[in-house]
Protein backbone atom coordinates (compact mmCIF):
# COMPACT_ATOMS: atom_id res chain seq x y z
CA MET A 1 5.71 -11.08 -9.88
CA ARG A 2 7.86 -8.71 -7.84
CA PHE A 3 8.15 -4.94 -8.71
CA LYS A 4 11.72 -4.04 -8.40
CA HIS A 5 11.08 -0.25 -8.86
CA PHE A 6 8.43 0.08 -6.84
CA ASP A 7 9.56 2.42 -3.69
CA SER A 8 7.37 1.25 -0.82
CA ALA A 9 9.55 3.43 1.32
CA ALA A 10 7.94 6.50 -0.47
CA ALA A 11 4.72 5.45 1.20
CA VAL A 12 5.92 5.02 4.76
CA ALA A 13 4.91 7.62 7.60
CA GLU A 14 6.70 9.73 9.37
CA PRO A 15 7.99 8.81 12.93
CA ASP A 16 5.63 11.63 14.68
CA LEU A 17 2.58 10.29 12.91
CA LEU A 18 3.16 6.74 13.93
CA LEU A 19 3.82 7.88 17.71
CA ALA A 20 0.37 9.58 17.39
CA PHE A 21 -1.26 6.47 16.04
CA ARG A 22 0.04 4.48 19.10
CA HIS A 23 -2.39 6.14 21.26
CA TYR A 24 -5.22 5.11 19.01
CA GLU A 25 -4.24 1.47 17.65
CA PHE A 26 -5.43 -2.04 18.86
CA PRO A 27 -2.67 -4.85 18.26
CA VAL A 28 -3.42 -7.22 15.61
CA ASP A 29 -2.53 -10.78 16.56
CA CYS A 30 0.22 -11.87 14.13
CA LEU A 31 1.18 -15.20 15.88
CA GLU A 32 0.40 -17.08 12.71
CA ASP A 33 -0.02 -15.64 9.19
CA CYS A 34 -2.52 -13.00 9.26
CA VAL A 35 -4.84 -11.69 6.19
CA LEU A 36 -5.31 -7.96 7.19
CA PHE A 37 -7.65 -7.43 4.67
CA CYS A 38 -8.92 -8.67 1.46
CA GLN A 39 -9.11 -6.84 -2.17
CA GLY A 40 -13.00 -5.89 -2.54
CA ASP A 41 -13.66 -5.68 1.38
CA GLU A 42 -15.09 -2.59 2.87
CA PRO A 43 -12.22 -0.50 4.85
CA THR A 44 -13.12 0.13 8.41
CA GLY A 45 -9.70 1.51 9.65
CA ILE A 46 -5.99 1.30 8.61
CA TYR A 47 -3.40 -1.05 9.56
CA VAL A 48 -0.12 0.30 10.79
CA PHE A 49 2.78 -2.00 9.96
CA HIS A 50 5.46 -1.38 12.75
CA SER A 51 7.85 -4.62 12.14
CA GLY A 52 8.08 -8.02 10.54
CA VAL A 53 7.36 -9.02 6.94
CA GLY A 54 4.33 -8.00 5.08
CA THR A 55 3.03 -8.42 1.46
CA ILE A 56 0.35 -6.47 -0.47
CA VAL A 57 -0.90 -8.38 -3.29
CA LEU A 58 -3.00 -7.11 -6.19
CA GLU A 59 -5.19 -9.53 -7.70
CA SER A 60 -6.91 -10.20 -11.02
CA PRO A 61 -10.71 -10.22 -11.05
CA ASN A 62 -10.42 -14.25 -11.21
CA GLY A 63 -8.13 -14.11 -7.87
CA THR A 64 -4.68 -14.82 -9.50
CA PRO A 65 -1.87 -12.31 -7.96
CA VAL A 66 -0.97 -10.24 -10.46
CA ALA A 67 1.80 -8.36 -8.53
CA THR A 68 3.16 -8.42 -5.04
CA PHE A 69 4.72 -5.60 -2.96
CA PRO A 70 6.43 -5.73 0.39
CA ALA A 71 5.12 -3.91 3.33
CA ARG A 72 7.71 -1.74 5.00
CA PRO A 73 8.02 -0.87 8.59
CA GLY A 74 5.91 2.63 9.09
CA ALA A 75 3.44 1.60 6.05
CA LEU A 76 -0.36 2.40 6.46
CA LEU A 77 -1.92 -0.31 4.84
CA GLY A 78 -5.42 0.51 3.57
CA LEU A 79 -5.39 4.16 3.90
CA PRO A 80 -5.88 4.96 0.38
CA ALA A 81 -9.30 2.87 0.44
CA LEU A 82 -10.19 4.23 3.51
CA VAL A 83 -9.68 7.86 2.62
CA ARG A 84 -11.66 7.13 -0.72
CA GLY A 85 -14.51 5.33 0.95
CA GLU A 86 -14.13 2.36 -1.33
CA PRO A 87 -13.14 -1.28 -1.16
CA PHE A 88 -9.51 -2.04 -0.90
CA SER A 89 -7.82 -2.63 -4.03
CA MET A 90 -5.36 -5.08 -2.63
CA THR A 91 -4.78 -7.53 -0.18
CA ALA A 92 -2.56 -7.42 2.76
CA VAL A 93 -0.86 -10.22 4.60
CA ALA A 94 1.27 -10.30 7.75
CA LYS A 95 3.41 -12.99 8.26
CA ALA A 96 3.85 -14.79 11.75
CA GLY A 97 5.43 -12.52 14.32
CA ALA A 98 4.88 -9.20 12.47
CA GLN A 99 3.93 -6.14 14.80
CA VAL A 100 0.87 -4.85 13.31
CA GLY A 101 -1.58 -1.90 14.60
CA PHE A 102 -5.37 -1.33 13.71
CA VAL A 103 -6.78 2.11 13.78
CA THR A 104 -10.40 2.51 13.32
CA ARG A 105 -12.08 4.84 10.91
CA SER A 106 -13.44 6.92 13.50
CA ALA A 107 -10.25 7.02 15.56
CA LEU A 108 -8.25 8.34 12.38
CA LEU A 109 -11.00 10.84 11.48
CA ALA A 110 -11.22 12.28 15.10
CA LEU A 111 -7.37 12.50 15.14
CA MET A 112 -7.37 14.23 11.82
CA LEU A 113 -9.61 16.92 12.91
CA SER A 114 -8.24 17.38 16.34
CA GLU A 115 -4.48 17.57 15.05
CA PRO A 116 -4.36 19.22 11.76
CA LEU A 117 -0.57 18.78 11.26
CA LEU A 118 -1.00 15.12 11.58
CA ALA A 119 -3.72 15.34 8.98
CA LEU A 120 -1.01 16.68 6.68
CA MET A 121 1.15 14.20 7.63
CA ILE A 122 -1.25 11.47 6.56
CA LEU A 123 -1.61 13.48 3.06
CA ARG A 124 1.87 13.39 2.47
CA VAL A 125 1.75 9.57 2.80
CA LEU A 126 -0.96 9.27 0.35
CA ALA A 127 0.71 11.62 -2.12
CA ALA A 128 3.68 9.37 -1.99
CA GLU A 129 1.76 5.88 -2.18
CA VAL A 130 -0.44 6.58 -5.07
CA PRO A 131 2.13 7.48 -7.71
CA SER A 132 4.64 4.91 -6.65
CA THR A 133 1.94 2.24 -6.99
CA SER A 134 0.78 3.47 -10.43
CA ALA A 135 4.38 3.95 -11.65
CA ALA A 136 5.05 0.17 -10.78
CA ILE A 137 1.84 -1.16 -12.16
CA SER A 138 2.30 0.63 -15.23
CA GLU A 139 5.79 -0.25 -15.84
CA ARG A 140 5.02 -3.83 -15.78
CA ARG A 141 2.41 -3.94 -18.39
CA THR A 142 3.72 -5.91 -21.00
CA ARG A 143 3.04 -6.87 -24.77
CA THR A 144 4.65 -9.38 -27.11
CA HIS A 145 5.86 -8.70 -30.65
CA ARG A 146 7.54 -11.48 -32.61
CA GLY A 147 8.82 -13.16 -29.65
CA HIS A 148 9.96 -10.05 -27.93
CA THR A 149 8.69 -8.74 -24.56
CA LEU A 150 7.70 -5.24 -24.81
CA ARG A 151 7.15 -2.96 -21.87
CA ARG A 152 5.71 0.41 -21.49
CA LYS A 153 7.49 3.16 -19.89
CA ARG A 154 7.66 6.88 -19.59
CA SER A 155 10.17 8.82 -21.11
CA TRP A 156 11.48 11.88 -19.46
CA LEU A 157 8.95 13.85 -21.51
CA GLY A 158 6.15 11.63 -20.16
CA ILE A 159 5.67 10.04 -23.32
CA ARG A 160 4.98 6.35 -23.64
CA ILE A 161 7.72 4.54 -25.41
CA GLN A 162 8.02 0.71 -25.64
CA THR A 163 11.28 -1.15 -25.66
CA ALA A 164 11.84 -4.81 -26.41
CA ASP A 165 13.80 -7.03 -24.06
């Protein structure tokens, strides 16, 4: 299942932030398809997705993929989990040939403490990512009634409405 309304570009870091990360990141070997992290794993850092093809997968408790999102160049994969200090809520995969860097938790924290402007840029990425993901997931929750699929949507007033396909 793909979310056509998920704006993964909203969660992309600014060029200055990506440039600052270049000094702290380690390259990730993506000569073959590479699982960057799995849903449920504890975060030890973030992955900076520079180029190529990548996918972020939300899985059900039994491991069935529920939703997939494309990873865009400039995405900071795993940032929400690292900041929350909780396990990853999704799985991230980089396809062969992707260019990905890894920034450790300690390097990220040191950078945020030494460069407050960069900390604000990171906050902007988080602020854009969480609502975009939540909206995409909420939009795809469906129910059926008499053979018709009902989708939950929010009206411009913020009131949930259901429409039939």
